[in-house]
């Protein structure tokens, strides 16, 4: 599978691969990260499920180089922040993400900026729940002129 992703990376301008392998294929994730992690972001969503324990296991074996962060997946904001800190401390990127069936709550926009995640995944601005998050990012950008993304 890693070879196929490598071919796609050679042929197309891919910047990020999310959940490119099965959630329990630790060997595959490690292989993919070793082979392609230097040129593409490899994001674990189902692999890590925003849980520090699973993330620590991935860090130990070099699986992925980024974590998809879903606050309501792990349970508490505290657990989310702990997982994000573990990722950052170990050189992993954080991608703050919405969940399917979202509301117009804009907390993830604040979380992405407040933690300097640099990335948010909330979909195309085609529905009010998504537009609300982008509008919050615009409001934050107006208020915090000196914010600099790590990218």
Protein backbone atom coordinates (compact mmCIF):
# COMPACT_ATOMS: atom_id res chain seq x y z
CA UNK A 1 0.00 0.00 0.00
CA UNK A 2 2.87 2.37 0.82
CA UNK A 3 4.25 1.84 -2.68
CA UNK A 4 0.89 2.78 -4.22
CA UNK A 5 0.77 5.98 -2.15
CA UNK A 6 4.32 6.70 -3.28
CA UNK A 7 3.25 6.43 -6.91
CA UNK A 8 0.33 8.78 -6.28
CA UNK A 9 2.61 11.25 -4.52
CA UNK A 10 4.91 11.21 -7.53
CA UNK A 11 2.03 11.80 -9.93
CA UNK A 12 -0.22 14.23 -8.01
CA UNK A 13 0.26 17.24 -5.70
CA UNK A 14 -0.93 15.45 -2.56
CA UNK A 15 -0.10 17.20 0.71
CA UNK A 16 -1.89 15.05 3.25
CA UNK A 17 -3.17 11.48 3.60
CA UNK A 18 -5.80 10.86 6.27
CA UNK A 19 -6.59 7.35 7.48
CA UNK A 20 -4.70 5.83 4.58
CA UNK A 21 -4.62 2.43 6.26
CA UNK A 22 -6.68 0.40 8.69
CA UNK A 23 -6.89 1.60 12.27
CA UNK A 24 -5.08 -1.46 13.64
CA UNK A 25 -2.49 -1.85 10.89
CA UNK A 26 0.33 -0.50 13.02
CA UNK A 27 3.02 -2.10 10.85
CA UNK A 28 1.51 -0.61 7.70
CA UNK A 29 1.30 2.86 9.25
CA UNK A 30 4.91 2.64 10.36
CA UNK A 31 6.01 1.53 6.91
CA UNK A 32 4.03 4.27 5.16
CA UNK A 33 5.39 6.93 7.51
CA UNK A 34 8.97 5.74 7.11
CA UNK A 35 8.64 5.64 3.32
CA UNK A 36 6.60 8.80 2.66
CA UNK A 37 6.38 10.81 5.88
CA UNK A 38 9.22 13.10 4.83
CA UNK A 39 7.17 14.49 1.93
CA UNK A 40 3.55 14.28 2.99
CA UNK A 41 1.48 14.70 6.12
CA UNK A 42 0.18 11.30 7.25
CA UNK A 43 -2.81 11.87 9.52
CA UNK A 44 -4.15 9.31 11.95
CA UNK A 45 -7.84 9.73 12.71
CA UNK A 46 -9.22 6.27 13.42
CA UNK A 47 -5.66 5.22 14.25
CA UNK A 48 -5.42 7.57 17.26
CA UNK A 49 -9.06 8.59 17.96
CA UNK A 50 -7.66 11.60 19.86
CA UNK A 51 -6.51 9.27 22.66
CA UNK A 52 -3.14 9.82 24.29
CA UNK A 53 -2.60 6.10 24.83
CA UNK A 54 -3.01 5.21 21.16
CA UNK A 55 -1.01 8.26 20.12
CA UNK A 56 1.84 7.26 22.45
CA UNK A 57 1.86 3.81 20.87
CA UNK A 58 2.06 5.39 17.42
CA UNK A 59 4.82 7.76 18.46
CA UNK A 60 6.84 4.89 19.88
CA UNK A 61 6.82 2.98 16.58
CA UNK A 62 6.79 5.96 14.19
CA UNK A 63 3.24 5.55 12.89
CA UNK A 64 1.88 8.69 11.15
CA UNK A 65 3.18 12.22 11.67
CA UNK A 66 -0.08 14.01 12.46
CA UNK A 67 -3.23 13.45 14.49
CA UNK A 68 -6.78 14.40 13.60
CA UNK A 69 -8.26 16.03 16.69
CA UNK A 70 -11.94 15.60 17.50
CA UNK A 71 -12.88 17.04 20.88
CA UNK A 72 -16.06 15.04 21.33
CA UNK A 73 -14.36 11.82 20.26
CA UNK A 74 -12.11 11.53 23.30
CA UNK A 75 -14.59 12.92 25.81
CA UNK A 76 -13.20 16.04 27.47
CA UNK A 77 -11.39 19.21 26.50
CA UNK A 78 -8.67 18.34 29.02
CA UNK A 79 -8.04 14.95 27.40
CA UNK A 80 -8.01 16.63 24.00
CA UNK A 81 -5.44 19.20 25.09
CA UNK A 82 -3.28 16.48 26.65
CA UNK A 83 -3.31 14.48 23.42
CA UNK A 84 -2.51 17.59 21.37
CA UNK A 85 0.41 18.45 23.65
CA UNK A 86 1.74 14.90 23.39
CA UNK A 87 1.55 15.14 19.61
CA UNK A 88 3.25 18.54 19.45
CA UNK A 89 5.98 17.57 21.91
CA UNK A 90 6.84 14.58 19.72
CA UNK A 91 6.88 16.44 16.41
CA UNK A 92 3.41 15.41 15.27
CA UNK A 93 1.04 17.95 13.76
CA UNK A 94 -2.51 18.47 14.96
CA UNK A 95 -5.45 18.90 12.60
CA UNK A 96 -8.50 20.09 14.53
CA UNK A 97 -11.59 18.57 12.95
CA UNK A 98 -15.35 18.74 12.96
CA UNK A 99 -17.54 15.67 13.30
CA UNK A 100 -20.31 14.58 11.01
CA UNK A 101 -23.65 15.97 12.13
CA UNK A 102 -22.04 19.17 13.41
CA UNK A 103 -23.82 22.17 14.86
CA UNK A 104 -23.00 25.84 14.38
CA UNK A 105 -20.83 25.79 17.50
CA UNK A 106 -17.48 27.41 16.68
CA UNK A 107 -15.36 25.95 19.49
CA UNK A 108 -13.08 24.04 17.13
CA UNK A 109 -12.07 27.28 15.40
CA UNK A 110 -11.03 28.72 18.76
CA UNK A 111 -9.26 25.48 19.66
CA UNK A 112 -7.32 25.41 16.39
CA UNK A 113 -6.10 28.98 16.85
CA UNK A 114 -5.62 28.81 20.62
CA UNK A 115 -3.43 25.72 20.40
CA UNK A 116 -1.61 26.94 17.29
CA UNK A 117 -2.63 23.78 15.48
CA UNK A 118 -2.35 25.62 12.19
CA UNK A 119 -4.92 23.37 10.53
CA UNK A 120 -8.65 22.92 10.75
CA UNK A 121 -10.83 20.45 8.89
CA UNK A 122 -14.41 21.55 8.65
CA UNK A 123 -15.40 20.89 5.05
CA UNK A 124 -16.45 23.10 2.18
CA UNK A 125 -18.29 26.30 3.16
CA UNK A 126 -21.56 24.93 1.86
CA UNK A 127 -23.63 24.57 5.05
CA UNK A 128 -24.30 26.91 7.94
CA UNK A 129 -22.41 24.75 10.48
CA UNK A 130 -19.27 24.98 8.37
CA UNK A 131 -19.65 28.64 7.45
CA UNK A 132 -20.00 29.48 11.14
CA UNK A 133 -16.56 28.02 11.84
CA UNK A 134 -14.93 29.87 8.94
CA UNK A 135 -16.60 33.11 10.04
CA UNK A 136 -15.18 32.60 13.53
CA UNK A 137 -11.72 32.15 12.03
CA UNK A 138 -12.17 35.43 10.17
CA UNK A 139 -13.25 37.21 13.37
CA UNK A 140 -10.22 35.81 15.18
CA UNK A 141 -7.94 36.93 12.34
CA UNK A 142 -9.26 40.48 12.70
CA UNK A 143 -8.71 40.47 16.47
CA UNK A 144 -5.35 38.71 16.55
CA UNK A 145 -3.31 40.38 13.87
CA UNK A 146 -0.01 38.90 14.99
CA UNK A 147 -1.11 35.25 14.86
CA UNK A 148 1.25 33.21 12.73
CA UNK A 149 0.45 29.75 11.51
CA UNK A 150 3.22 27.19 11.89
CA UNK A 151 2.85 26.51 8.16
